[in-house]
Amino acid sequence: MAESGRRCRLLTVYENRGEILASRTAEKRYFDLHPTDLIGPLQGRLLIEWSQDTVNWAKRGARATHFPVIEIADPQIVDFPGYDNVLLSYGQLQKMVVDSRWIRWQTALSAVQGIYLIADAEEGELYVGKADGGERILGRWTSYAHDGHGGNVAMKRKFGLNRN
């Protein structure tokens, strides 16, 4: 399954039990494929860098062995709860923007522009922000995750943030 760029996640491995000759036509061949748990512990966790050839997603085993492994990810993908239910602590925000377990969040938030609310739970202070243009919400929030203020002067003053 494609994630971003040439980064792909292994979802399922199939065993090919041979061609189904009775189903063969002049234009098409059919094969008896069955899901296998041969490498079950890596399903959903193995991330590779796919080849430059994006036209053909199916690869024979011998060619696929040359694709570099990027990561063997934590098995628990964090589900995206829907835009109306997004609520993150600052620690969760920092994880969300870099951790591949949060890919569903990253995909959803990189697709939308919008207005958001940042709350200082200790002081009760609120900041309303806007992400527009090509930056999208994920891009804007990535800035906040890195330095706590995203370069916003008002947030530095309002929340007393002195980082960078």
N, C-alpha and C. Protein backbone atom coordinates (compact mmCIF):
# COMPACT_ATOMS: atom_id res chain seq x y z
N MET A 1 0.85 -1.18 0.00
CA MET A 1 0.00 0.00 0.00
C MET A 1 0.89 1.23 0.00
N ALA A 2 0.67 2.14 -0.94
CA ALA A 2 1.47 3.36 -1.03
C ALA A 2 1.16 4.26 0.15
N GLU A 3 2.20 4.89 0.69
CA GLU A 3 2.01 5.83 1.79
C GLU A 3 2.37 7.24 1.36
N SER A 4 3.59 7.43 0.92
CA SER A 4 3.99 8.74 0.41
C SER A 4 5.25 8.54 -0.43
N GLY A 5 5.34 9.33 -1.50
CA GLY A 5 6.49 9.16 -2.39
C GLY A 5 6.58 7.73 -2.86
N ARG A 6 7.73 7.12 -2.65
CA ARG A 6 7.93 5.72 -3.03
C ARG A 6 7.87 4.80 -1.81
N ARG A 7 7.43 5.31 -0.70
CA ARG A 7 7.34 4.55 0.55
C ARG A 7 6.07 3.71 0.52
N CYS A 8 6.21 2.39 0.78
CA CYS A 8 5.08 1.47 0.72
C CYS A 8 5.09 0.53 1.92
N ARG A 9 3.89 0.13 2.34
CA ARG A 9 3.72 -0.76 3.49
C ARG A 9 3.18 -2.11 3.00
N LEU A 10 3.79 -3.19 3.48
CA LEU A 10 3.34 -4.54 3.14
C LEU A 10 2.02 -4.82 3.84
N LEU A 11 1.00 -5.19 3.07
CA LEU A 11 -0.29 -5.52 3.66
C LEU A 11 -0.53 -7.02 3.72
N THR A 12 -0.32 -7.70 2.61
CA THR A 12 -0.63 -9.13 2.54
C THR A 12 0.34 -9.83 1.60
N VAL A 13 0.66 -11.06 1.91
CA VAL A 13 1.48 -11.90 1.04
C VAL A 13 0.59 -13.05 0.56
N TYR A 14 0.67 -13.33 -0.74
CA TYR A 14 -0.13 -14.40 -1.32
C TYR A 14 0.76 -15.54 -1.80
N GLU A 15 0.26 -16.74 -1.65
CA GLU A 15 0.90 -17.91 -2.21
C GLU A 15 0.24 -18.19 -3.56
N ASN A 16 1.06 -18.36 -4.60
CA ASN A 16 0.56 -18.66 -5.93
C ASN A 16 0.58 -20.18 -6.10
N ARG A 17 -0.60 -20.79 -6.19
CA ARG A 17 -0.72 -22.24 -6.33
C ARG A 17 -0.84 -22.67 -7.79
N GLY A 18 -0.54 -21.75 -8.67
CA GLY A 18 -0.53 -22.10 -10.10
C GLY A 18 -1.67 -21.49 -10.87
N GLU A 19 -1.56 -21.61 -12.18
CA GLU A 19 -2.56 -21.05 -13.08
C GLU A 19 -3.83 -21.90 -13.06
N ILE A 20 -4.97 -21.20 -13.17
CA ILE A 20 -6.26 -21.89 -13.27
C ILE A 20 -6.55 -21.98 -14.77
N LEU A 21 -6.17 -23.08 -15.37
CA LEU A 21 -6.24 -23.25 -16.82
C LEU A 21 -7.67 -23.16 -17.34
N ALA A 22 -8.63 -23.63 -16.58
CA ALA A 22 -10.03 -23.61 -17.01
C ALA A 22 -10.56 -22.19 -17.19
N SER A 23 -9.94 -21.22 -16.54
CA SER A 23 -10.40 -19.82 -16.62
C SER A 23 -9.62 -19.00 -17.64
N ARG A 24 -8.62 -19.59 -18.25
CA ARG A 24 -7.75 -18.86 -19.18
C ARG A 24 -8.52 -18.45 -20.44
N THR A 25 -8.25 -17.20 -20.87
CA THR A 25 -8.81 -16.70 -22.13
C THR A 25 -7.65 -16.29 -23.02
N ALA A 26 -7.97 -15.84 -24.21
CA ALA A 26 -6.92 -15.40 -25.13
C ALA A 26 -6.21 -14.15 -24.60
N GLU A 27 -6.92 -13.35 -23.81
CA GLU A 27 -6.35 -12.10 -23.30
C GLU A 27 -5.87 -12.18 -21.84
N LYS A 28 -6.42 -13.11 -21.08
CA LYS A 28 -6.13 -13.10 -19.64
C LYS A 28 -5.79 -14.49 -19.12
N ARG A 29 -4.93 -14.47 -18.09
CA ARG A 29 -4.60 -15.69 -17.36
C ARG A 29 -5.02 -15.47 -15.91
N TYR A 30 -5.47 -16.52 -15.24
CA TYR A 30 -5.92 -16.44 -13.87
C TYR A 30 -5.10 -17.40 -13.02
N PHE A 31 -4.82 -16.98 -11.78
CA PHE A 31 -3.99 -17.77 -10.89
C PHE A 31 -4.72 -18.03 -9.58
N ASP A 32 -4.40 -19.15 -8.97
CA ASP A 32 -5.00 -19.56 -7.70
C ASP A 32 -4.15 -18.96 -6.58
N LEU A 33 -4.56 -17.79 -6.09
CA LEU A 33 -3.82 -17.06 -5.06
C LEU A 33 -4.52 -17.20 -3.72
N HIS A 34 -3.71 -17.42 -2.67
CA HIS A 34 -4.25 -17.56 -1.32
C HIS A 34 -3.40 -16.75 -0.35
N PRO A 35 -4.05 -15.96 0.50
CA PRO A 35 -3.26 -15.25 1.53
C PRO A 35 -2.48 -16.25 2.37
N THR A 36 -1.27 -15.88 2.73
CA THR A 36 -0.45 -16.75 3.57
C THR A 36 0.12 -15.94 4.73
N ASP A 37 0.36 -16.61 5.83
CA ASP A 37 0.98 -15.91 6.96
C ASP A 37 2.47 -16.25 7.05
N LEU A 38 3.05 -16.58 5.90
CA LEU A 38 4.46 -16.93 5.84
C LEU A 38 5.34 -15.90 6.54
N ILE A 39 5.07 -14.64 6.33
CA ILE A 39 5.80 -13.59 7.04
C ILE A 39 4.81 -12.73 7.82
N GLY A 40 3.83 -13.39 8.41
CA GLY A 40 2.75 -12.74 9.15
C GLY A 40 3.16 -11.63 10.10
N PRO A 41 4.23 -11.83 10.89
CA PRO A 41 4.62 -10.77 11.83
C PRO A 41 5.02 -9.45 11.17
N LEU A 42 5.33 -9.49 9.87
CA LEU A 42 5.73 -8.25 9.18
C LEU A 42 4.58 -7.59 8.44
N GLN A 43 3.44 -8.27 8.33
CA GLN A 43 2.32 -7.68 7.62
C GLN A 43 1.85 -6.42 8.33
N GLY A 44 1.74 -5.35 7.57
CA GLY A 44 1.35 -4.06 8.11
C GLY A 44 2.48 -3.31 8.78
N ARG A 45 3.65 -3.93 8.89
CA ARG A 45 4.77 -3.32 9.61
C ARG A 45 5.98 -3.04 8.71
N LEU A 46 6.17 -3.85 7.66
CA LEU A 46 7.33 -3.72 6.80
C LEU A 46 7.13 -2.57 5.82
N LEU A 47 8.04 -1.60 5.85
CA LEU A 47 7.98 -0.48 4.93
C LEU A 47 9.20 -0.55 4.03
N ILE A 48 8.95 -0.44 2.72
CA ILE A 48 10.04 -0.49 1.75
C ILE A 48 9.99 0.73 0.85
N GLU A 49 11.07 0.96 0.14
CA GLU A 49 11.11 1.99 -0.89
C GLU A 49 10.89 1.29 -2.22
N TRP A 50 9.77 1.62 -2.89
CA TRP A 50 9.39 0.98 -4.15
C TRP A 50 10.29 1.46 -5.27
N SER A 51 10.27 0.74 -6.36
CA SER A 51 11.11 1.08 -7.51
C SER A 51 10.63 2.35 -8.19
N GLN A 52 11.43 2.86 -9.09
CA GLN A 52 11.07 4.04 -9.87
C GLN A 52 9.90 3.74 -10.79
N ASP A 53 9.70 2.49 -11.13
CA ASP A 53 8.65 2.05 -12.05
C ASP A 53 7.30 2.07 -11.34
N THR A 54 6.60 3.21 -11.39
CA THR A 54 5.32 3.33 -10.68
C THR A 54 4.16 2.81 -11.51
N VAL A 55 4.40 2.47 -12.78
CA VAL A 55 3.33 1.98 -13.63
C VAL A 55 2.90 0.58 -13.21
N ASN A 56 3.85 -0.24 -12.81
CA ASN A 56 3.56 -1.63 -12.47
C ASN A 56 3.79 -1.87 -10.99
N TRP A 57 2.70 -2.03 -10.23
CA TRP A 57 2.84 -2.26 -8.80
C TRP A 57 3.15 -3.71 -8.48
N ALA A 58 2.79 -4.63 -9.37
CA ALA A 58 3.08 -6.04 -9.12
C ALA A 58 4.54 -6.32 -9.49
N LYS A 59 5.24 -6.98 -8.61
CA LYS A 59 6.65 -7.31 -8.85
C LYS A 59 6.87 -8.78 -8.55
N ARG A 60 7.68 -9.42 -9.33
CA ARG A 60 8.06 -10.80 -9.05
C ARG A 60 9.01 -10.80 -7.86
N GLY A 61 9.00 -11.86 -7.10
CA GLY A 61 9.78 -11.96 -5.88
C GLY A 61 11.25 -11.63 -6.06
N ALA A 62 11.87 -12.12 -7.12
CA ALA A 62 13.30 -11.89 -7.32
C ALA A 62 13.62 -10.40 -7.46
N ARG A 63 12.79 -9.65 -8.15
CA ARG A 63 13.04 -8.22 -8.32
C ARG A 63 12.75 -7.46 -7.03
N ALA A 64 11.71 -7.88 -6.32
CA ALA A 64 11.32 -7.19 -5.09
C ALA A 64 12.36 -7.33 -3.99
N THR A 65 13.20 -8.33 -4.06
CA THR A 65 14.22 -8.52 -3.01
C THR A 65 15.24 -7.41 -2.99
N HIS A 66 15.29 -6.60 -4.04
CA HIS A 66 16.27 -5.52 -4.10
C HIS A 66 15.74 -4.19 -3.56
N PHE A 67 14.49 -4.14 -3.18
CA PHE A 67 13.93 -2.91 -2.65
C PHE A 67 14.43 -2.71 -1.22
N PRO A 68 14.95 -1.53 -0.91
CA PRO A 68 15.47 -1.31 0.44
C PRO A 68 14.36 -1.26 1.50
N VAL A 69 14.63 -1.88 2.65
CA VAL A 69 13.71 -1.81 3.78
C VAL A 69 13.96 -0.47 4.47
N ILE A 70 12.91 0.30 4.64
CA ILE A 70 13.00 1.60 5.30
C ILE A 70 12.81 1.45 6.80
N GLU A 71 11.84 0.61 7.16
CA GLU A 71 11.47 0.52 8.58
C GLU A 71 10.65 -0.74 8.82
N ILE A 72 10.78 -1.29 10.00
CA ILE A 72 9.83 -2.28 10.49
C ILE A 72 9.10 -1.56 11.61
N ALA A 73 7.90 -1.11 11.28
CA ALA A 73 7.16 -0.20 12.14
C ALA A 73 6.47 -0.91 13.30
N ASP A 74 6.14 -0.12 14.30
CA ASP A 74 5.33 -0.59 15.41
C ASP A 74 4.02 -1.14 14.82
N PRO A 75 3.53 -2.24 15.31
CA PRO A 75 2.37 -2.85 14.69
C PRO A 75 1.05 -2.10 14.86
N GLN A 76 0.96 -1.20 15.81
CA GLN A 76 -0.30 -0.52 16.07
C GLN A 76 -0.40 0.79 15.30
N ILE A 77 -1.18 0.81 14.24
CA ILE A 77 -1.46 2.04 13.50
C ILE A 77 -2.50 2.82 14.30
N VAL A 78 -2.30 4.12 14.43
CA VAL A 78 -3.23 4.97 15.17
C VAL A 78 -4.32 5.43 14.21
N ASP A 79 -5.55 5.01 14.45
CA ASP A 79 -6.66 5.38 13.58
C ASP A 79 -6.95 6.87 13.68
N PHE A 80 -7.33 7.46 12.54
CA PHE A 80 -7.74 8.86 12.52
C PHE A 80 -9.21 8.92 12.94
N PRO A 81 -9.54 9.72 13.96
CA PRO A 81 -10.91 9.70 14.51
C PRO A 81 -11.92 10.54 13.74
N GLY A 82 -11.49 11.21 12.69
CA GLY A 82 -12.37 12.13 11.97
C GLY A 82 -12.05 13.55 12.38
N TYR A 83 -12.27 14.48 11.47
CA TYR A 83 -11.87 15.87 11.71
C TYR A 83 -12.57 16.50 12.92
N ASP A 84 -13.77 16.08 13.22
CA ASP A 84 -14.51 16.64 14.35
C ASP A 84 -14.01 16.13 15.70
N ASN A 85 -13.13 15.13 15.69
CA ASN A 85 -12.69 14.52 16.94
C ASN A 85 -11.18 14.60 17.15
N VAL A 86 -10.52 15.53 16.48
CA VAL A 86 -9.07 15.67 16.64
C VAL A 86 -8.78 16.41 17.93
N LEU A 87 -8.03 15.76 18.81
CA LEU A 87 -7.62 16.36 20.07
C LEU A 87 -6.29 15.71 20.45
N LEU A 88 -5.25 16.51 20.51
CA LEU A 88 -3.91 16.01 20.79
C LEU A 88 -3.24 16.82 21.89
N SER A 89 -2.49 16.14 22.73
CA SER A 89 -1.60 16.86 23.65
C SER A 89 -0.37 17.26 22.84
N TYR A 90 0.46 18.11 23.41
CA TYR A 90 1.68 18.53 22.70
C TYR A 90 2.60 17.33 22.45
N GLY A 91 2.70 16.43 23.40
CA GLY A 91 3.51 15.22 23.23
C GLY A 91 2.99 14.34 22.10
N GLN A 92 1.68 14.19 22.03
CA GLN A 92 1.08 13.41 20.95
C GLN A 92 1.31 14.09 19.60
N LEU A 93 1.21 15.41 19.58
CA LEU A 93 1.46 16.16 18.34
C LEU A 93 2.88 15.90 17.84
N GLN A 94 3.84 15.93 18.75
CA GLN A 94 5.23 15.69 18.36
C GLN A 94 5.41 14.29 17.78
N LYS A 95 4.72 13.30 18.33
CA LYS A 95 4.79 11.94 17.78
C LYS A 95 4.07 11.86 16.44
N MET A 96 2.89 12.47 16.37
CA MET A 96 2.05 12.36 15.18
C MET A 96 2.76 12.83 13.92
N VAL A 97 3.54 13.89 14.00
CA VAL A 97 4.14 14.44 12.78
C VAL A 97 5.33 13.65 12.26
N VAL A 98 5.90 12.74 13.07
CA VAL A 98 7.08 12.00 12.63
C VAL A 98 6.94 10.48 12.66
N ASP A 99 6.04 9.95 13.43
CA ASP A 99 5.93 8.51 13.65
C ASP A 99 5.03 7.87 12.60
N SER A 100 5.51 6.83 11.93
CA SER A 100 4.75 6.18 10.86
C SER A 100 3.48 5.49 11.37
N ARG A 101 3.38 5.25 12.68
CA ARG A 101 2.14 4.67 13.22
C ARG A 101 0.97 5.64 13.04
N TRP A 102 1.26 6.92 12.85
CA TRP A 102 0.23 7.95 12.72
C TRP A 102 -0.03 8.28 11.25
N ILE A 103 0.28 7.37 10.33
CA ILE A 103 0.15 7.66 8.90
C ILE A 103 -1.27 8.06 8.51
N ARG A 104 -2.27 7.51 9.14
CA ARG A 104 -3.66 7.87 8.80
C ARG A 104 -3.95 9.32 9.19
N TRP A 105 -3.41 9.76 10.32
CA TRP A 105 -3.53 11.16 10.72
C TRP A 105 -2.77 12.04 9.73
N GLN A 106 -1.55 11.67 9.43
CA GLN A 106 -0.71 12.47 8.53
C GLN A 106 -1.38 12.63 7.17
N THR A 107 -1.94 11.55 6.65
CA THR A 107 -2.61 11.60 5.36
C THR A 107 -3.82 12.52 5.41
N ALA A 108 -4.64 12.38 6.44
CA ALA A 108 -5.85 13.19 6.56
C ALA A 108 -5.51 14.67 6.74
N LEU A 109 -4.55 14.97 7.60
CA LEU A 109 -4.25 16.38 7.91
C LEU A 109 -3.42 17.05 6.81
N SER A 110 -2.77 16.27 5.95
CA SER A 110 -2.03 16.87 4.84
C SER A 110 -2.95 17.17 3.67
N ALA A 111 -4.20 16.74 3.75
CA ALA A 111 -5.14 16.93 2.66
C ALA A 111 -6.06 18.13 2.85
N VAL A 112 -6.01 18.79 4.01
CA VAL A 112 -6.99 19.85 4.28
C VAL A 112 -6.35 21.13 4.81
N GLN A 113 -7.02 22.22 4.48
CA GLN A 113 -6.72 23.51 5.08
C GLN A 113 -7.76 23.70 6.17
N GLY A 114 -7.53 24.63 7.08
CA GLY A 114 -8.57 24.84 8.07
C GLY A 114 -8.19 25.76 9.20
N ILE A 115 -9.15 25.92 10.08
CA ILE A 115 -9.02 26.71 11.29
C ILE A 115 -8.92 25.72 12.45
N TYR A 116 -8.06 26.00 13.41
CA TYR A 116 -7.87 25.10 14.53
C TYR A 116 -7.70 25.90 15.81
N LEU A 117 -7.84 25.23 16.94
CA LEU A 117 -7.74 25.86 18.24
C LEU A 117 -6.64 25.19 19.04
N ILE A 118 -5.74 25.98 19.58
CA ILE A 118 -4.70 25.48 20.48
C ILE A 118 -5.03 26.02 21.87
N ALA A 119 -5.06 25.12 22.83
CA ALA A 119 -5.41 25.51 24.20
C ALA A 119 -4.27 25.20 25.15
N ASP A 120 -3.99 26.15 26.02
CA ASP A 120 -3.04 25.92 27.11
C ASP A 120 -3.89 25.40 28.27
N ALA A 121 -3.81 24.10 28.50
CA ALA A 121 -4.66 23.46 29.50
C ALA A 121 -4.39 23.98 30.91
N GLU A 122 -3.16 24.40 31.20
CA GLU A 122 -2.82 24.88 32.55
C GLU A 122 -3.34 26.29 32.80
N GLU A 123 -3.18 27.17 31.81
CA GLU A 123 -3.54 28.58 31.99
C GLU A 123 -4.92 28.92 31.42
N GLY A 124 -5.49 28.04 30.61
CA GLY A 124 -6.78 28.32 30.01
C GLY A 124 -6.70 29.28 28.84
N GLU A 125 -5.50 29.58 28.36
CA GLU A 125 -5.31 30.48 27.22
C GLU A 125 -5.64 29.75 25.92
N LEU A 126 -6.22 30.47 24.96
CA LEU A 126 -6.59 29.90 23.68
C LEU A 126 -5.93 30.66 22.54
N TYR A 127 -5.61 29.94 21.48
CA TYR A 127 -5.08 30.54 20.26
C TYR A 127 -5.79 29.92 19.08
N VAL A 128 -6.37 30.75 18.22
CA VAL A 128 -7.03 30.28 17.01
C VAL A 128 -6.05 30.46 15.86
N GLY A 129 -5.80 29.38 15.14
CA GLY A 129 -4.85 29.42 14.03
C GLY A 129 -5.51 29.04 12.73
N LYS A 130 -4.78 29.30 11.64
CA LYS A 130 -5.29 29.00 10.30
C LYS A 130 -4.17 28.39 9.48
N ALA A 131 -4.48 27.32 8.78
CA ALA A 131 -3.54 26.71 7.85
C ALA A 131 -4.18 26.79 6.47
N ASP A 132 -3.50 27.46 5.57
CA ASP A 132 -4.04 27.57 4.22
C ASP A 132 -2.92 27.41 3.20
N GLY A 133 -3.26 27.51 1.94
CA GLY A 133 -2.26 27.34 0.90
C GLY A 133 -1.74 25.91 0.87
N GLY A 134 -0.55 25.75 0.35
CA GLY A 134 0.04 24.43 0.20
C GLY A 134 0.48 23.80 1.50
N GLU A 135 0.58 24.61 2.56
CA GLU A 135 1.08 24.12 3.85
C GLU A 135 0.13 23.10 4.48
N ARG A 136 -1.15 23.28 4.33
CA ARG A 136 -2.16 22.42 4.92
C ARG A 136 -1.99 22.33 6.44
N ILE A 137 -2.89 21.65 7.10
CA ILE A 137 -2.84 21.57 8.56
C ILE A 137 -1.61 20.80 9.03
N LEU A 138 -1.30 19.68 8.37
CA LEU A 138 -0.14 18.90 8.82
C LEU A 138 1.14 19.73 8.76
N GLY A 139 1.33 20.49 7.71
CA GLY A 139 2.53 21.32 7.60
C GLY A 139 2.61 22.35 8.71
N ARG A 140 1.51 22.99 9.01
CA ARG A 140 1.49 24.01 10.05
C ARG A 140 1.75 23.37 11.42
N TRP A 141 1.09 22.27 11.69
CA TRP A 141 1.25 21.61 12.98
C TRP A 141 2.65 21.02 13.15
N THR A 142 3.29 20.64 12.06
CA THR A 142 4.66 20.14 12.14
C THR A 142 5.57 21.24 12.67
N SER A 143 5.33 22.48 12.25
CA SER A 143 6.10 23.61 12.78
C SER A 143 5.91 23.76 14.28
N TYR A 144 4.66 23.66 14.74
CA TYR A 144 4.40 23.74 16.18
C TYR A 144 5.09 22.61 16.93
N ALA A 145 5.05 21.42 16.36
CA ALA A 145 5.65 20.26 17.03
C ALA A 145 7.15 20.44 17.22
N HIS A 146 7.81 21.10 16.28
CA HIS A 146 9.26 21.25 16.35
C HIS A 146 9.71 22.29 17.37
N ASP A 147 8.97 23.42 17.47
CA ASP A 147 9.47 24.47 18.37
C ASP A 147 8.43 25.00 19.35
N GLY A 148 7.21 24.51 19.30
CA GLY A 148 6.20 24.93 20.26
C GLY A 148 5.42 26.17 19.86
N HIS A 149 5.85 26.88 18.82
CA HIS A 149 5.14 28.11 18.43
C HIS A 149 5.02 28.28 16.92
N GLY A 150 5.73 27.48 16.15
CA GLY A 150 5.62 27.57 14.69
C GLY A 150 6.04 28.90 14.12
N GLY A 151 6.86 29.65 14.86
CA GLY A 151 7.30 30.96 14.39
C GLY A 151 6.29 32.06 14.61
N ASN A 152 5.20 31.76 15.28
CA ASN A 152 4.14 32.73 15.50
C ASN A 152 4.50 33.61 16.70
N VAL A 153 4.72 34.89 16.47
CA VAL A 153 5.13 35.83 17.51
C VAL A 153 4.08 35.94 18.60
N ALA A 154 2.80 35.98 18.22
CA ALA A 154 1.73 36.10 19.22
C ALA A 154 1.72 34.89 20.15
N MET A 155 1.96 33.70 19.61
CA MET A 155 1.98 32.51 20.47
C MET A 155 3.18 32.54 21.41
N LYS A 156 4.31 33.01 20.92
CA LYS A 156 5.49 33.10 21.78
C LYS A 156 5.18 33.98 22.99
N ARG A 157 4.54 35.13 22.73
CA ARG A 157 4.18 36.05 23.82
C ARG A 157 3.08 35.49 24.70
N LYS A 158 2.02 35.01 24.07
CA LYS A 158 0.84 34.57 24.80
C LYS A 158 1.12 33.39 25.71
N PHE A 159 1.89 32.44 25.21
CA PHE A 159 2.13 31.24 25.98
C PHE A 159 3.50 31.25 26.66
N GLY A 160 4.26 32.33 26.47
CA GLY A 160 5.54 32.44 27.14
C GLY A 160 6.57 31.43 26.67
N LEU A 161 6.50 31.08 25.42
CA LEU A 161 7.44 30.09 24.88
C LEU A 161 8.73 30.77 24.50
N ASN A 162 9.82 30.25 24.98
CA ASN A 162 11.12 30.85 24.70
C ASN A 162 12.01 29.96 23.83
N ARG A 163 11.44 28.87 23.35
CA ARG A 163 12.24 27.98 22.50
C ARG A 163 12.42 28.62 21.14
N ASN A 164 13.64 28.61 20.63
CA ASN A 164 14.01 29.12 19.31
C ASN A 164 13.18 30.32 18.92
